[in-house]
């Protein structure tokens, strides 16, 4: 089965107009995401596979996107 990343039950993406950035809000932590990271996490809705997500970011490099997704999964922020 191919992994279809989605935010964990307790993780939320929110735009912060003051910081002009997207925030990943998880228990006891707020992570400010850069533009590319926010776009990648925004596609993690449980319907797209990792290859679908990496294809949307050809300039980022497949390995970098996959490593980023796995890092978020290890943190428990993606399921």
PDB file of N, CA and C in Angstrom:
ATOM      1  N   UNK A   1       0.838  -1.184   0.000  1.00  0.00           N
ATOM      2  CA  UNK A   1       0.000   0.000   0.000  1.00  0.00           C
ATOM      3  C   UNK A   1       0.884   1.248   0.000  1.00  0.00           C
ATOM      4  N   UNK A   2       0.493   2.248  -0.777  1.00  0.00           N
ATOM      5  CA  UNK A   2       1.242   3.481  -0.895  1.00  0.00           C
ATOM      6  C   UNK A   2       0.759   4.483   0.142  1.00  0.00           C
ATOM      7  N   UNK A   3       1.728   5.108   0.810  1.00  0.00           N
ATOM      8  CA  UNK A   3       1.412   6.083   1.852  1.00  0.00           C
ATOM      9  C   UNK A   3       0.741   7.308   1.252  1.00  0.00           C
ATOM     10  N   UNK A   4      -0.370   7.711   1.850  1.00  0.00           N
ATOM     11  CA  UNK A   4      -1.086   8.930   1.487  1.00  0.00           C
ATOM     12  C   UNK A   4      -1.059   9.836   2.716  1.00  0.00           C
ATOM     13  N   UNK A   5      -0.034  10.694   2.809  1.00  0.00           N
ATOM     14  CA  UNK A   5       0.140  11.504   4.013  1.00  0.00           C
ATOM     15  C   UNK A   5      -1.060  12.405   4.302  1.00  0.00           C
ATOM     16  N   UNK A   6      -1.375  12.521   5.563  1.00  0.00           N
ATOM     17  CA  UNK A   6      -2.428  13.424   6.040  1.00  0.00           C
ATOM     18  C   UNK A   6      -2.000  13.941   7.402  1.00  0.00           C
ATOM     19  N   UNK A   7      -2.459  15.130   7.745  1.00  0.00           N
ATOM     20  CA  UNK A   7      -2.151  15.684   9.055  1.00  0.00           C
ATOM     21  C   UNK A   7      -2.718  14.789  10.141  1.00  0.00           C
ATOM     22  N   UNK A   8      -1.992  14.677  11.232  1.00  0.00           N
ATOM     23  CA  UNK A   8      -2.486  13.939  12.389  1.00  0.00           C
ATOM     24  C   UNK A   8      -3.737  14.613  12.928  1.00  0.00           C
ATOM     25  N   UNK A   9      -4.474  13.894  13.748  1.00  0.00           N
ATOM     26  CA  UNK A   9      -5.733  14.434  14.297  1.00  0.00           C
ATOM     27  C   UNK A   9      -5.532  15.745  15.027  1.00  0.00           C
ATOM     28  N   UNK A  10      -4.415  15.903  15.667  1.00  0.00           N
ATOM     29  CA  UNK A  10      -4.174  17.072  16.507  1.00  0.00           C
ATOM     30  C   UNK A  10      -3.352  18.163  15.823  1.00  0.00           C
ATOM     31  N   UNK A  11      -2.939  17.976  14.580  1.00  0.00           N
ATOM     32  CA  UNK A  11      -2.146  18.974  13.858  1.00  0.00           C
ATOM     33  C   UNK A  11      -3.060  19.833  12.984  1.00  0.00           C
ATOM     34  N   UNK A  12      -2.771  21.123  12.948  1.00  0.00           N
ATOM     35  CA  UNK A  12      -3.566  22.064  12.146  1.00  0.00           C
ATOM     36  C   UNK A  12      -2.649  23.011  11.396  1.00  0.00           C
ATOM     37  N   UNK A  13      -3.046  23.363  10.176  1.00  0.00           N
ATOM     38  CA  UNK A  13      -2.362  24.406   9.413  1.00  0.00           C
ATOM     39  C   UNK A  13      -3.182  25.678   9.515  1.00  0.00           C
ATOM     40  N   UNK A  14      -2.520  26.779   9.830  1.00  0.00           N
ATOM     41  CA  UNK A  14      -3.203  28.072   9.941  1.00  0.00           C
ATOM     42  C   UNK A  14      -2.319  29.143   9.333  1.00  0.00           C
ATOM     43  N   UNK A  15      -2.929  30.095   8.647  1.00  0.00           N
ATOM     44  CA  UNK A  15      -2.184  31.238   8.136  1.00  0.00           C
ATOM     45  C   UNK A  15      -2.126  32.315   9.215  1.00  0.00           C
ATOM     46  N   UNK A  16      -0.942  32.875   9.417  1.00  0.00           N
ATOM     47  CA  UNK A  16      -0.753  33.942  10.403  1.00  0.00           C
ATOM     48  C   UNK A  16      -0.469  35.236   9.654  1.00  0.00           C
ATOM     49  N   UNK A  17      -1.449  36.149   9.618  1.00  0.00           N
ATOM     50  CA  UNK A  17      -1.233  37.389   8.884  1.00  0.00           C
ATOM     51  C   UNK A  17      -0.144  38.271   9.504  1.00  0.00           C
ATOM     52  N   UNK A  18       0.048  38.169  10.794  1.00  0.00           N
ATOM     53  CA  UNK A  18       1.077  38.977  11.455  1.00  0.00           C
ATOM     54  C   UNK A  18       2.472  38.533  11.005  1.00  0.00           C
ATOM     55  N   UNK A  19       2.695  37.233  10.997  1.00  0.00           N
ATOM     56  CA  UNK A  19       3.992  36.687  10.570  1.00  0.00           C
ATOM     57  C   UNK A  19       4.086  36.528   9.060  1.00  0.00           C
ATOM     58  N   UNK A  20       2.942  36.641   8.408  1.00  0.00           N
ATOM     59  CA  UNK A  20       2.865  36.427   6.955  1.00  0.00           C
ATOM     60  C   UNK A  20       3.432  35.060   6.581  1.00  0.00           C
ATOM     61  N   UNK A  21       3.012  34.069   7.340  1.00  0.00           N
ATOM     62  CA  UNK A  21       3.465  32.713   7.069  1.00  0.00           C
ATOM     63  C   UNK A  21       2.387  31.724   7.488  1.00  0.00           C
ATOM     64  N   UNK A  22       2.601  30.497   7.099  1.00  0.00           N
ATOM     65  CA  UNK A  22       1.710  29.415   7.486  1.00  0.00           C
ATOM     66  C   UNK A  22       2.314  28.728   8.702  1.00  0.00           C
ATOM     67  N   UNK A  23       1.466  28.441   9.666  1.00  0.00           N
ATOM     68  CA  UNK A  23       1.909  27.794  10.895  1.00  0.00           C
ATOM     69  C   UNK A  23       1.352  26.382  10.960  1.00  0.00           C
ATOM     70  N   UNK A  24       2.184  25.467  11.403  1.00  0.00           N
ATOM     71  CA  UNK A  24       1.751  24.107  11.706  1.00  0.00           C
ATOM     72  C   UNK A  24       1.609  24.072  13.215  1.00  0.00           C
ATOM     73  N   UNK A  25       0.389  23.929  13.671  1.00  0.00           N
ATOM     74  CA  UNK A  25       0.104  23.968  15.103  1.00  0.00           C
ATOM     75  C   UNK A  25      -0.116  22.545  15.591  1.00  0.00           C
ATOM     76  N   UNK A  26       0.749  22.133  16.521  1.00  0.00           N
ATOM     77  CA  UNK A  26       0.680  20.808  17.122  1.00  0.00           C
ATOM     78  C   UNK A  26       0.745  20.997  18.632  1.00  0.00           C
ATOM     79  N   UNK A  27       0.380  19.992  19.402  1.00  0.00           N
ATOM     80  CA  UNK A  27       0.402  20.166  20.858  1.00  0.00           C
ATOM     81  C   UNK A  27       1.753  20.685  21.358  1.00  0.00           C
ATOM     82  N   UNK A  28       1.679  21.738  22.147  1.00  0.00           N
ATOM     83  CA  UNK A  28       2.837  22.331  22.798  1.00  0.00           C
ATOM     84  C   UNK A  28       3.881  22.877  21.834  1.00  0.00           C
ATOM     85  N   UNK A  29       3.515  23.118  20.588  1.00  0.00           N
ATOM     86  CA  UNK A  29       4.481  23.631  19.625  1.00  0.00           C
ATOM     87  C   UNK A  29       3.766  24.324  18.473  1.00  0.00           C
ATOM     88  N   UNK A  30       4.379  25.384  17.985  1.00  0.00           N
ATOM     89  CA  UNK A  30       3.940  26.047  16.757  1.00  0.00           C
ATOM     90  C   UNK A  30       5.161  26.133  15.854  1.00  0.00           C
ATOM     91  N   UNK A  31       5.024  25.624  14.639  1.00  0.00           N
ATOM     92  CA  UNK A  31       6.132  25.598  13.698  1.00  0.00           C
ATOM     93  C   UNK A  31       5.792  26.538  12.539  1.00  0.00           C
ATOM     94  N   UNK A  32       6.633  27.558  12.336  1.00  0.00           N
ATOM     95  CA  UNK A  32       6.448  28.462  11.198  1.00  0.00           C
ATOM     96  C   UNK A  32       7.060  27.783   9.973  1.00  0.00           C
ATOM     97  N   UNK A  33       6.234  27.597   8.939  1.00  0.00           N
ATOM     98  CA  UNK A  33       6.682  26.931   7.723  1.00  0.00           C
ATOM     99  C   UNK A  33       7.042  27.958   6.659  1.00  0.00           C
ATOM    100  N   UNK A  34       8.086  27.676   5.890  1.00  0.00           N
ATOM    101  CA  UNK A  34       8.369  28.544   4.755  1.00  0.00           C
ATOM    102  C   UNK A  34       7.357  28.231   3.650  1.00  0.00           C
ATOM    103  N   UNK A  35       7.400  28.987   2.581  1.00  0.00           N
ATOM    104  CA  UNK A  35       6.405  28.864   1.513  1.00  0.00           C
ATOM    105  C   UNK A  35       6.347  27.456   0.935  1.00  0.00           C
ATOM    106  N   UNK A  36       7.511  26.874   0.642  1.00  0.00           N
ATOM    107  CA  UNK A  36       7.545  25.539   0.039  1.00  0.00           C
ATOM    108  C   UNK A  36       7.033  24.481   1.012  1.00  0.00           C
ATOM    109  N   UNK A  37       7.467  24.559   2.256  1.00  0.00           N
ATOM    110  CA  UNK A  37       7.019  23.580   3.256  1.00  0.00           C
ATOM    111  C   UNK A  37       5.513  23.654   3.465  1.00  0.00           C
ATOM    112  N   UNK A  38       4.983  24.884   3.518  1.00  0.00           N
ATOM    113  CA  UNK A  38       3.531  25.055   3.687  1.00  0.00           C
ATOM    114  C   UNK A  38       2.773  24.460   2.504  1.00  0.00           C
ATOM    115  N   UNK A  39       3.295  24.645   1.304  1.00  0.00           N
ATOM    116  CA  UNK A  39       2.636  24.093   0.111  1.00  0.00           C
ATOM    117  C   UNK A  39       2.658  22.567   0.132  1.00  0.00           C
ATOM    118  N   UNK A  40       3.768  21.999   0.551  1.00  0.00           N
ATOM    119  CA  UNK A  40       3.876  20.537   0.626  1.00  0.00           C
ATOM    120  C   UNK A  40       2.899  19.990   1.664  1.00  0.00           C
ATOM    121  N   UNK A  41       2.912  20.556   2.849  1.00  0.00           N
ATOM    122  CA  UNK A  41       2.015  20.086   3.915  1.00  0.00           C
ATOM    123  C   UNK A  41       0.563  20.307   3.513  1.00  0.00           C
ATOM    124  N   UNK A  42       0.298  21.378   2.781  1.00  0.00           N
ATOM    125  CA  UNK A  42      -1.061  21.648   2.323  1.00  0.00           C
ATOM    126  C   UNK A  42      -1.622  20.563   1.419  1.00  0.00           C
ATOM    127  N   UNK A  43      -0.744  19.831   0.757  1.00  0.00           N
ATOM    128  CA  UNK A  43      -1.185  18.725  -0.106  1.00  0.00           C
ATOM    129  C   UNK A  43      -1.372  17.410   0.652  1.00  0.00           C
ATOM    130  N   UNK A  44      -0.999  17.393   1.902  1.00  0.00           N
ATOM    131  CA  UNK A  44      -1.112  16.175   2.719  1.00  0.00           C
ATOM    132  C   UNK A  44      -2.526  16.074   3.276  1.00  0.00           C
ATOM    133  N   UNK A  45      -3.444  15.693   2.408  1.00  0.00           N
ATOM    134  CA  UNK A  45      -4.852  15.616   2.791  1.00  0.00           C
ATOM    135  C   UNK A  45      -5.383  14.187   2.815  1.00  0.00           C
ATOM    136  N   UNK A  46      -4.477  13.223   2.630  1.00  0.00           N
ATOM    137  CA  UNK A  46      -4.884  11.828   2.668  1.00  0.00           C
ATOM    138  C   UNK A  46      -5.373  11.286   1.337  1.00  0.00           C
ATOM    139  N   UNK A  47      -5.435  12.128   0.313  1.00  0.00           N
ATOM    140  CA  UNK A  47      -5.880  11.656  -1.002  1.00  0.00           C
ATOM    141  C   UNK A  47      -4.730  11.492  -1.978  1.00  0.00           C
ATOM    142  N   UNK A  48      -3.624  12.179  -1.723  1.00  0.00           N
ATOM    143  CA  UNK A  48      -2.480  12.139  -2.630  1.00  0.00           C
ATOM    144  C   UNK A  48      -1.400  11.203  -2.078  1.00  0.00           C
ATOM    145  N   UNK A  49      -0.751  10.488  -2.984  1.00  0.00           N
ATOM    146  CA  UNK A  49       0.379   9.650  -2.597  1.00  0.00           C
ATOM    147  C   UNK A  49       1.639  10.514  -2.548  1.00  0.00           C
ATOM    148  N   UNK A  50       2.695   9.957  -1.993  1.00  0.00           N
ATOM    149  CA  UNK A  50       3.968  10.682  -1.953  1.00  0.00           C
ATOM    150  C   UNK A  50       4.441  11.021  -3.368  1.00  0.00           C
ATOM    151  N   UNK A  51       4.362  10.098  -4.350  1.00  0.00           N
ATOM    152  CA  UNK A  51       4.746  10.482  -5.713  1.00  0.00           C
ATOM    153  C   UNK A  51       3.889  11.628  -6.272  1.00  0.00           C
ATOM    154  N   UNK A  52       2.605  11.663  -5.936  1.00  0.00           N
ATOM    155  CA  UNK A  52       1.756  12.777  -6.373  1.00  0.00           C
ATOM    156  C   UNK A  52       2.267  14.097  -5.801  1.00  0.00           C
ATOM    157  N   UNK A  53       2.635  14.060  -4.536  1.00  0.00           N
ATOM    158  CA  UNK A  53       3.095  15.288  -3.867  1.00  0.00           C
ATOM    159  C   UNK A  53       4.445  15.718  -4.424  1.00  0.00           C
ATOM    160  N   UNK A  54       5.370  14.780  -4.594  1.00  0.00           N
ATOM    161  CA  UNK A  54       6.685  15.156  -5.107  1.00  0.00           C
ATOM    162  C   UNK A  54       6.597  15.673  -6.541  1.00  0.00           C
ATOM    163  N   UNK A  55       5.664  15.153  -7.324  1.00  0.00           N
ATOM    164  CA  UNK A  55       5.498  15.617  -8.707  1.00  0.00           C
ATOM    165  C   UNK A  55       5.060  17.078  -8.767  1.00  0.00           C
ATOM    166  N   UNK A  56       4.402  17.547  -7.735  1.00  0.00           N
ATOM    167  CA  UNK A  56       3.942  18.938  -7.697  1.00  0.00           C
ATOM    168  C   UNK A  56       5.088  19.906  -7.406  1.00  0.00           C
ATOM    169  N   UNK A  57       6.267  19.388  -7.020  1.00  0.00           N
ATOM    170  CA  UNK A  57       7.400  20.229  -6.647  1.00  0.00           C
ATOM    171  C   UNK A  57       8.683  19.780  -7.347  1.00  0.00           C
ATOM    172  N   UNK A  58       8.703  19.846  -8.678  1.00  0.00           N
ATOM    173  CA  UNK A  58       9.877  19.353  -9.406  1.00  0.00           C
ATOM    174  C   UNK A  58      11.150  20.142  -9.091  1.00  0.00           C
ATOM    175  N   UNK A  59      11.032  21.403  -8.728  1.00  0.00           N
ATOM    176  CA  UNK A  59      12.214  22.215  -8.431  1.00  0.00           C
ATOM    177  C   UNK A  59      12.809  21.916  -7.058  1.00  0.00           C
ATOM    178  N   UNK A  60      12.044  21.276  -6.183  1.00  0.00           N
ATOM    179  CA  UNK A  60      12.510  20.998  -4.822  1.00  0.00           C
ATOM    180  C   UNK A  60      13.354  19.728  -4.751  1.00  0.00           C
ATOM    181  N   UNK A  61      13.207  18.858  -5.700  1.00  0.00           N
ATOM    182  CA  UNK A  61      13.935  17.594  -5.660  1.00  0.00           C
ATOM    183  C   UNK A  61      13.136  16.548  -4.906  1.00  0.00           C
ATOM    184  N   UNK A  62      12.934  15.423  -5.533  1.00  0.00           N
ATOM    185  CA  UNK A  62      12.123  14.349  -4.957  1.00  0.00           C
ATOM    186  C   UNK A  62      12.647  13.908  -3.598  1.00  0.00           C
ATOM    187  N   UNK A  63      13.951  13.719  -3.487  1.00  0.00           N
ATOM    188  CA  UNK A  63      14.519  13.241  -2.217  1.00  0.00           C
ATOM    189  C   UNK A  63      14.265  14.221  -1.080  1.00  0.00           C
ATOM    190  N   UNK A  64      14.368  15.526  -1.367  1.00  0.00           N
ATOM    191  CA  UNK A  64      14.144  16.527  -0.323  1.00  0.00           C
ATOM    192  C   UNK A  64      12.699  16.508   0.172  1.00  0.00           C
ATOM    193  N   UNK A  65      11.756  16.381  -0.755  1.00  0.00           N
ATOM    194  CA  UNK A  65      10.338  16.361  -0.378  1.00  0.00           C
ATOM    195  C   UNK A  65      10.033  15.094   0.418  1.00  0.00           C
ATOM    196  N   UNK A  66      10.527  13.963  -0.035  1.00  0.00           N
ATOM    197  CA  UNK A  66      10.290  12.689   0.664  1.00  0.00           C
ATOM    198  C   UNK A  66      10.900  12.734   2.063  1.00  0.00           C
ATOM    199  N   UNK A  67      12.114  13.253   2.178  1.00  0.00           N
ATOM    200  CA  UNK A  67      12.761  13.357   3.485  1.00  0.00           C
ATOM    201  C   UNK A  67      11.970  14.279   4.407  1.00  0.00           C
ATOM    202  N   UNK A  68      11.483  15.397   3.888  1.00  0.00           N
ATOM    203  CA  UNK A  68      10.673  16.325   4.670  1.00  0.00           C
ATOM    204  C   UNK A  68       9.402  15.638   5.170  1.00  0.00           C
ATOM    205  N   UNK A  69       8.707  14.912   4.293  1.00  0.00           N
ATOM    206  CA  UNK A  69       7.483  14.208   4.692  1.00  0.00           C
ATOM    207  C   UNK A  69       7.775  13.164   5.766  1.00  0.00           C
ATOM    208  N   UNK A  70       8.845  12.426   5.598  1.00  0.00           N
ATOM    209  CA  UNK A  70       9.187  11.410   6.596  1.00  0.00           C
ATOM    210  C   UNK A  70       9.591  12.043   7.927  1.00  0.00           C
ATOM    211  N   UNK A  71      10.261  13.185   7.873  1.00  0.00           N
ATOM    212  CA  UNK A  71      10.591  13.883   9.125  1.00  0.00           C
ATOM    213  C   UNK A  71       9.318  14.294   9.866  1.00  0.00           C
ATOM    214  N   UNK A  72       8.339  14.800   9.127  1.00  0.00           N
ATOM    215  CA  UNK A  72       7.075  15.188   9.753  1.00  0.00           C
ATOM    216  C   UNK A  72       6.342  13.973  10.313  1.00  0.00           C
ATOM    217  N   UNK A  73       6.438  12.861   9.605  1.00  0.00           N
ATOM    218  CA  UNK A  73       5.801  11.638  10.087  1.00  0.00           C
ATOM    219  C   UNK A  73       6.475  11.158  11.371  1.00  0.00           C
ATOM    220  N   UNK A  74       7.803  11.216  11.425  1.00  0.00           N
ATOM    221  CA  UNK A  74       8.524  10.800  12.626  1.00  0.00           C
ATOM    222  C   UNK A  74       8.174  11.685  13.820  1.00  0.00           C
ATOM    223  N   UNK A  75       7.898  12.948  13.568  1.00  0.00           N
ATOM    224  CA  UNK A  75       7.486  13.863  14.642  1.00  0.00           C
ATOM    225  C   UNK A  75       6.069  13.552  15.122  1.00  0.00           C
ATOM    226  N   UNK A  76       5.326  12.781  14.318  1.00  0.00           N
ATOM    227  CA  UNK A  76       3.945  12.444  14.668  1.00  0.00           C
ATOM    228  C   UNK A  76       2.938  13.452  14.136  1.00  0.00           C
ATOM    229  N   UNK A  77       3.398  14.338  13.257  1.00  0.00           N
ATOM    230  CA  UNK A  77       2.525  15.372  12.727  1.00  0.00           C
ATOM    231  C   UNK A  77       1.785  14.947  11.467  1.00  0.00           C
ATOM    232  N   UNK A  78       2.272  13.877  10.828  1.00  0.00           N
ATOM    233  CA  UNK A  78       1.575  13.270   9.687  1.00  0.00           C
ATOM    234  C   UNK A  78       1.270  11.827  10.042  1.00  0.00           C
ATOM    235  N   UNK A  79       0.220  11.330   9.449  1.00  0.00           N
ATOM    236  CA  UNK A  79      -0.131   9.920   9.620  1.00  0.00           C
ATOM    237  C   UNK A  79      -0.168   9.269   8.274  1.00  0.00           C
TER     238      UNK A  79
END
